[in-house]
């Protein structure tokens, strides 16, 4: 007969008052004091925020341009190894609607990138 795992842990849990203080109630527990009183960290420097925004916009532009170009590229889309290995998928991918959908996602990504680039920080 196979052994059955134990349903209970051999370790005993501490009561809620010992972990969370006397304000913890059985119906709802409060956050531990160590988390509730975490020290305030200063905001990141302005150049770091701008550098992160720049890198995010550049990455979004790159992905958007790749998605706009890839479906209409004969060297990438028509001779793709994935589409050649699975002919049913290749047949679906050759449809104009699918190519338009992928290009539309690229245009949407470009639009989001331009919106991010024009966004002003009000902090």
N, C-alpha and C. Protein backbone atom coordinates (compact mmCIF):
# COMPACT_ATOMS: atom_id res chain seq x y z
N UNK A 1 0.85 -1.18 0.00
CA UNK A 1 0.00 0.00 0.00
C UNK A 1 0.90 1.25 0.00
N UNK A 2 0.65 2.21 -0.92
CA UNK A 2 1.49 3.40 -0.99
C UNK A 2 1.27 4.30 0.23
N UNK A 3 2.33 5.01 0.57
CA UNK A 3 2.24 5.90 1.72
C UNK A 3 1.46 7.16 1.35
N UNK A 4 0.66 7.61 2.25
CA UNK A 4 -0.12 8.82 2.07
C UNK A 4 0.62 9.99 2.71
N UNK A 5 0.65 11.16 2.07
CA UNK A 5 1.32 12.31 2.69
C UNK A 5 0.52 12.81 3.87
N UNK A 6 1.25 13.40 4.82
CA UNK A 6 0.58 13.97 5.98
C UNK A 6 -0.19 15.21 5.57
N UNK A 7 -1.35 15.38 6.15
CA UNK A 7 -2.18 16.54 5.85
C UNK A 7 -1.81 17.75 6.68
N UNK A 8 -1.16 17.54 7.81
CA UNK A 8 -0.79 18.67 8.65
C UNK A 8 0.72 18.78 8.71
N UNK A 9 1.19 19.98 8.89
CA UNK A 9 2.62 20.25 8.98
C UNK A 9 3.08 20.00 10.41
N UNK A 10 4.31 19.47 10.60
CA UNK A 10 4.77 19.26 11.98
C UNK A 10 5.08 20.58 12.68
N UNK A 11 5.29 21.66 11.93
CA UNK A 11 5.57 22.96 12.55
C UNK A 11 4.27 23.61 12.98
N UNK A 12 4.30 24.23 14.12
CA UNK A 12 3.11 24.92 14.62
C UNK A 12 3.24 26.40 14.28
N UNK A 13 2.13 26.98 13.88
CA UNK A 13 2.16 28.41 13.56
C UNK A 13 1.93 29.22 14.82
N UNK A 14 2.56 30.38 14.87
CA UNK A 14 2.42 31.27 16.01
C UNK A 14 1.06 31.95 15.96
N UNK A 15 0.52 32.33 17.10
CA UNK A 15 -0.76 33.04 17.09
C UNK A 15 -0.62 34.39 16.39
N UNK A 16 -1.72 34.88 15.87
CA UNK A 16 -1.73 36.13 15.11
C UNK A 16 -1.26 37.30 15.96
N UNK A 17 -1.59 37.32 17.26
CA UNK A 17 -1.17 38.43 18.11
C UNK A 17 0.34 38.49 18.26
N UNK A 18 1.00 37.32 18.25
CA UNK A 18 2.45 37.31 18.39
C UNK A 18 3.11 37.83 17.11
N UNK A 19 2.51 37.56 15.96
CA UNK A 19 3.09 38.00 14.70
C UNK A 19 2.72 39.43 14.33
N UNK A 20 1.48 39.80 14.52
CA UNK A 20 0.98 41.07 14.00
C UNK A 20 0.59 42.07 15.07
N UNK A 21 0.78 41.74 16.31
CA UNK A 21 0.46 42.67 17.38
C UNK A 21 -0.95 42.46 17.90
N UNK A 22 -1.30 43.18 18.94
CA UNK A 22 -2.61 42.98 19.57
C UNK A 22 -3.77 43.48 18.72
N UNK A 23 -3.51 44.25 17.67
CA UNK A 23 -4.63 44.77 16.88
C UNK A 23 -5.16 43.74 15.88
N UNK A 24 -4.50 42.59 15.74
CA UNK A 24 -4.97 41.57 14.81
C UNK A 24 -6.18 40.88 15.40
N UNK A 25 -7.20 40.73 14.60
CA UNK A 25 -8.42 40.07 15.04
C UNK A 25 -8.59 38.79 14.25
N UNK A 26 -9.34 37.84 14.77
CA UNK A 26 -9.54 36.60 14.03
C UNK A 26 -10.26 36.82 12.69
N UNK A 27 -11.11 37.84 12.61
CA UNK A 27 -11.86 38.04 11.38
C UNK A 27 -11.02 38.71 10.29
N UNK A 28 -10.05 39.54 10.65
CA UNK A 28 -9.23 40.20 9.66
C UNK A 28 -7.90 40.59 10.26
N UNK A 29 -6.82 40.24 9.60
CA UNK A 29 -5.49 40.51 10.14
C UNK A 29 -4.94 41.79 9.52
N UNK A 30 -4.14 42.50 10.29
CA UNK A 30 -3.52 43.72 9.80
C UNK A 30 -2.15 43.39 9.23
N UNK A 31 -1.54 44.37 8.59
CA UNK A 31 -0.20 44.18 8.04
C UNK A 31 0.81 44.13 9.16
N UNK A 32 1.90 43.38 8.96
CA UNK A 32 2.95 43.36 10.00
C UNK A 32 3.53 44.74 10.19
N UNK A 33 3.96 45.07 11.40
CA UNK A 33 4.51 46.40 11.66
C UNK A 33 5.74 46.70 10.82
N UNK A 34 6.55 45.70 10.49
CA UNK A 34 7.75 45.93 9.69
C UNK A 34 7.39 46.43 8.29
N UNK A 35 6.30 45.95 7.74
CA UNK A 35 5.88 46.38 6.40
C UNK A 35 5.11 47.69 6.48
N UNK A 36 4.29 47.84 7.51
CA UNK A 36 3.46 49.04 7.63
C UNK A 36 4.30 50.29 7.87
N UNK A 37 5.45 50.15 8.51
CA UNK A 37 6.26 51.31 8.83
C UNK A 37 7.55 51.31 8.02
N UNK A 38 7.48 50.92 6.77
CA UNK A 38 8.68 50.91 5.91
C UNK A 38 9.15 52.35 5.71
N UNK A 39 10.46 52.57 5.70
CA UNK A 39 10.97 53.94 5.52
C UNK A 39 10.66 54.45 4.11
N UNK A 40 10.43 55.74 4.02
CA UNK A 40 10.12 56.36 2.73
C UNK A 40 11.40 56.47 1.91
N UNK A 41 11.35 56.00 0.66
CA UNK A 41 12.51 56.11 -0.20
C UNK A 41 12.35 57.32 -1.10
N UNK A 42 13.44 58.02 -1.37
CA UNK A 42 13.34 59.20 -2.24
C UNK A 42 13.01 58.78 -3.66
N UNK A 43 12.35 59.65 -4.41
CA UNK A 43 12.02 59.31 -5.81
C UNK A 43 13.29 59.22 -6.63
N UNK A 44 13.25 58.45 -7.74
CA UNK A 44 14.44 58.35 -8.59
C UNK A 44 14.78 59.70 -9.21
N UNK A 45 16.05 59.86 -9.57
CA UNK A 45 16.48 61.13 -10.13
C UNK A 45 15.81 61.38 -11.48
N UNK A 46 15.77 62.65 -11.86
CA UNK A 46 15.07 63.06 -13.08
C UNK A 46 15.69 62.44 -14.33
N UNK A 47 17.02 62.36 -14.40
CA UNK A 47 17.67 61.81 -15.59
C UNK A 47 17.39 60.32 -15.72
N UNK A 48 17.24 59.62 -14.58
CA UNK A 48 16.93 58.20 -14.62
C UNK A 48 15.52 57.96 -15.16
N UNK A 49 14.58 58.80 -14.77
CA UNK A 49 13.22 58.69 -15.27
C UNK A 49 13.18 58.97 -16.77
N UNK A 50 13.90 60.00 -17.19
CA UNK A 50 13.94 60.33 -18.63
C UNK A 50 14.64 59.26 -19.45
N UNK A 51 15.70 58.68 -18.91
CA UNK A 51 16.41 57.60 -19.63
C UNK A 51 15.52 56.38 -19.77
N UNK A 52 14.77 56.05 -18.72
CA UNK A 52 13.86 54.90 -18.79
C UNK A 52 12.76 55.16 -19.81
N UNK A 53 12.23 56.36 -19.84
CA UNK A 53 11.20 56.71 -20.82
C UNK A 53 11.76 56.64 -22.24
N UNK A 54 12.97 57.14 -22.44
CA UNK A 54 13.59 57.09 -23.76
C UNK A 54 13.79 55.65 -24.24
N UNK A 55 14.32 54.80 -23.36
CA UNK A 55 14.55 53.41 -23.73
C UNK A 55 13.24 52.67 -24.01
N UNK A 56 12.21 52.98 -23.23
CA UNK A 56 10.92 52.34 -23.45
C UNK A 56 10.32 52.76 -24.79
N UNK A 57 10.43 54.04 -25.13
CA UNK A 57 9.90 54.53 -26.40
C UNK A 57 10.67 53.94 -27.58
N UNK A 58 11.99 53.87 -27.46
CA UNK A 58 12.80 53.30 -28.54
C UNK A 58 12.45 51.83 -28.75
N UNK A 59 12.28 51.08 -27.67
CA UNK A 59 11.91 49.66 -27.80
C UNK A 59 10.54 49.51 -28.43
N UNK A 60 9.58 50.35 -28.04
CA UNK A 60 8.24 50.27 -28.62
C UNK A 60 8.26 50.65 -30.09
N UNK A 61 9.06 51.65 -30.46
CA UNK A 61 9.17 52.01 -31.87
C UNK A 61 9.76 50.87 -32.68
N UNK A 62 10.77 50.23 -32.15
CA UNK A 62 11.42 49.13 -32.85
C UNK A 62 10.45 47.96 -33.07
N UNK A 63 9.73 47.60 -32.02
CA UNK A 63 8.77 46.50 -32.14
C UNK A 63 7.63 46.88 -33.09
N UNK A 64 7.16 48.11 -33.00
CA UNK A 64 6.09 48.56 -33.89
C UNK A 64 6.51 48.55 -35.35
N UNK A 65 7.71 49.03 -35.63
CA UNK A 65 8.20 49.01 -37.01
C UNK A 65 8.40 47.59 -37.52
N UNK A 66 8.89 46.71 -36.66
CA UNK A 66 9.08 45.31 -37.05
C UNK A 66 7.74 44.65 -37.35
N UNK A 67 6.72 44.93 -36.53
CA UNK A 67 5.40 44.35 -36.77
C UNK A 67 4.74 44.92 -38.02
N UNK A 68 5.02 46.15 -38.33
CA UNK A 68 4.45 46.74 -39.55
C UNK A 68 5.13 46.19 -40.80
N UNK A 69 6.42 45.92 -40.72
CA UNK A 69 7.18 45.51 -41.90
C UNK A 69 7.14 44.00 -42.14
N UNK A 70 7.16 43.20 -41.09
CA UNK A 70 7.31 41.74 -41.22
C UNK A 70 6.25 41.07 -42.09
N UNK A 71 4.97 41.37 -41.95
CA UNK A 71 3.98 40.64 -42.77
C UNK A 71 4.11 40.89 -44.27
N UNK A 72 4.69 41.98 -44.67
CA UNK A 72 4.77 42.31 -46.08
C UNK A 72 6.16 42.02 -46.65
N UNK A 73 7.05 41.49 -45.84
CA UNK A 73 8.39 41.12 -46.28
C UNK A 73 8.36 39.69 -46.82
N UNK A 74 8.69 39.54 -48.10
CA UNK A 74 8.67 38.21 -48.69
C UNK A 74 9.78 37.34 -48.13
N UNK A 75 10.91 37.92 -47.79
CA UNK A 75 12.01 37.13 -47.27
C UNK A 75 11.74 36.62 -45.86
N UNK A 76 10.92 37.30 -45.09
CA UNK A 76 10.64 36.86 -43.72
C UNK A 76 9.31 36.11 -43.63
N UNK A 77 8.26 36.68 -44.16
CA UNK A 77 6.93 36.12 -43.95
C UNK A 77 6.65 34.93 -44.87
N UNK A 78 7.04 35.02 -46.12
CA UNK A 78 6.71 33.96 -47.07
C UNK A 78 7.62 32.74 -46.91
N UNK A 79 8.85 32.94 -46.49
CA UNK A 79 9.78 31.82 -46.33
C UNK A 79 10.11 31.57 -44.87
N UNK A 80 9.15 31.75 -44.01
CA UNK A 80 9.33 31.53 -42.58
C UNK A 80 9.35 30.03 -42.30
N UNK A 81 10.32 29.57 -41.52
CA UNK A 81 10.45 28.13 -41.23
C UNK A 81 9.23 27.59 -40.48
N UNK A 82 8.62 28.39 -39.64
CA UNK A 82 7.43 27.94 -38.92
C UNK A 82 6.28 27.70 -39.88
N UNK A 83 6.11 28.60 -40.84
CA UNK A 83 5.03 28.45 -41.80
C UNK A 83 5.32 27.33 -42.80
N UNK A 84 6.58 27.08 -43.11
CA UNK A 84 6.93 25.99 -44.01
C UNK A 84 6.77 24.63 -43.33
N UNK A 85 7.03 24.57 -42.04
CA UNK A 85 6.90 23.30 -41.31
C UNK A 85 5.44 22.94 -41.09
N UNK A 86 4.60 23.92 -40.85
CA UNK A 86 3.17 23.70 -40.63
C UNK A 86 2.39 24.40 -41.75
N UNK A 87 2.06 23.68 -42.82
CA UNK A 87 1.41 24.32 -43.98
C UNK A 87 0.05 24.95 -43.65
N UNK A 88 -0.69 24.36 -42.71
CA UNK A 88 -1.99 24.94 -42.36
C UNK A 88 -1.81 26.33 -41.75
N UNK A 89 -0.81 26.46 -40.90
CA UNK A 89 -0.52 27.77 -40.31
C UNK A 89 -0.03 28.74 -41.37
N UNK A 90 0.76 28.23 -42.32
CA UNK A 90 1.24 29.07 -43.41
C UNK A 90 0.11 29.58 -44.29
N UNK A 91 -0.89 28.73 -44.52
CA UNK A 91 -2.05 29.13 -45.32
C UNK A 91 -2.82 30.26 -44.63
N UNK A 92 -2.97 30.12 -43.32
CA UNK A 92 -3.67 31.16 -42.56
C UNK A 92 -2.85 32.45 -42.57
N UNK A 93 -1.54 32.32 -42.43
CA UNK A 93 -0.67 33.50 -42.36
C UNK A 93 -0.62 34.25 -43.69
N UNK A 94 -0.89 33.57 -44.79
CA UNK A 94 -0.84 34.22 -46.10
C UNK A 94 -2.07 35.08 -46.37
N UNK A 95 -3.10 34.93 -45.56
CA UNK A 95 -4.32 35.71 -45.76
C UNK A 95 -4.03 37.20 -45.52
N UNK A 96 -4.62 38.03 -46.34
CA UNK A 96 -4.42 39.47 -46.20
C UNK A 96 -4.91 40.02 -44.88
N UNK A 97 -6.00 39.41 -44.35
CA UNK A 97 -6.55 39.89 -43.08
C UNK A 97 -5.56 39.65 -41.94
N UNK A 98 -4.87 38.53 -41.98
CA UNK A 98 -3.90 38.23 -40.92
C UNK A 98 -2.71 39.18 -41.02
N UNK A 99 -2.26 39.42 -42.24
CA UNK A 99 -1.16 40.37 -42.43
C UNK A 99 -1.58 41.77 -41.98
N UNK A 100 -2.80 42.15 -42.30
CA UNK A 100 -3.30 43.45 -41.88
C UNK A 100 -3.44 43.55 -40.37
N UNK A 101 -3.85 42.45 -39.74
CA UNK A 101 -4.00 42.44 -38.29
C UNK A 101 -2.64 42.62 -37.61
N UNK A 102 -1.62 41.93 -38.11
CA UNK A 102 -0.29 42.07 -37.52
C UNK A 102 0.25 43.48 -37.76
N UNK A 103 0.03 44.00 -38.95
CA UNK A 103 0.46 45.38 -39.23
C UNK A 103 -0.30 46.38 -38.37
N UNK A 104 -1.57 46.12 -38.14
CA UNK A 104 -2.36 46.99 -37.26
C UNK A 104 -1.85 46.99 -35.84
N UNK A 105 -1.41 45.83 -35.36
CA UNK A 105 -0.81 45.78 -34.03
C UNK A 105 0.48 46.59 -34.00
N UNK A 106 1.23 46.56 -35.10
CA UNK A 106 2.44 47.37 -35.18
C UNK A 106 2.13 48.86 -35.16
N UNK A 107 1.09 49.26 -35.90
CA UNK A 107 0.69 50.67 -35.89
C UNK A 107 0.20 51.10 -34.51
N UNK A 108 -0.53 50.22 -33.84
CA UNK A 108 -0.99 50.52 -32.48
C UNK A 108 0.20 50.69 -31.54
N UNK A 109 1.20 49.85 -31.70
CA UNK A 109 2.40 49.97 -30.88
C UNK A 109 3.14 51.26 -31.17
N UNK A 110 3.21 51.67 -32.44
CA UNK A 110 3.84 52.94 -32.79
C UNK A 110 3.07 54.12 -32.18
N UNK A 111 1.75 54.05 -32.23
CA UNK A 111 0.92 55.12 -31.67
C UNK A 111 1.14 55.24 -30.16
N UNK A 112 1.21 54.10 -29.48
CA UNK A 112 1.46 54.12 -28.04
C UNK A 112 2.84 54.69 -27.74
N UNK A 113 3.83 54.36 -28.59
CA UNK A 113 5.18 54.89 -28.38
C UNK A 113 5.20 56.41 -28.54
N UNK A 114 4.51 56.92 -29.56
CA UNK A 114 4.46 58.38 -29.75
C UNK A 114 3.72 59.06 -28.61
N UNK A 115 2.66 58.43 -28.10
CA UNK A 115 1.94 59.01 -26.96
C UNK A 115 2.85 59.05 -25.72
N UNK A 116 3.62 58.01 -25.52
CA UNK A 116 4.56 57.99 -24.39
C UNK A 116 5.63 59.06 -24.55
N UNK A 117 6.10 59.27 -25.78
CA UNK A 117 7.14 60.26 -26.02
C UNK A 117 6.62 61.67 -25.78
N UNK A 118 5.35 61.92 -26.07
CA UNK A 118 4.79 63.26 -25.91
C UNK A 118 4.26 63.50 -24.50
N UNK A 119 4.22 62.47 -23.70
CA UNK A 119 3.69 62.59 -22.34
C UNK A 119 4.63 63.46 -21.50
N UNK A 120 4.06 64.33 -20.72
CA UNK A 120 4.85 65.21 -19.85
C UNK A 120 4.70 64.75 -18.41
N UNK A 121 5.82 64.76 -17.72
CA UNK A 121 5.81 64.41 -16.30
C UNK A 121 5.34 65.63 -15.51
N UNK A 122 4.32 65.45 -14.69
CA UNK A 122 3.80 66.55 -13.88
C UNK A 122 4.28 66.42 -12.44
N UNK A 123 5.47 65.94 -12.24
CA UNK A 123 5.97 65.74 -10.87
C UNK A 123 7.04 66.69 -10.62
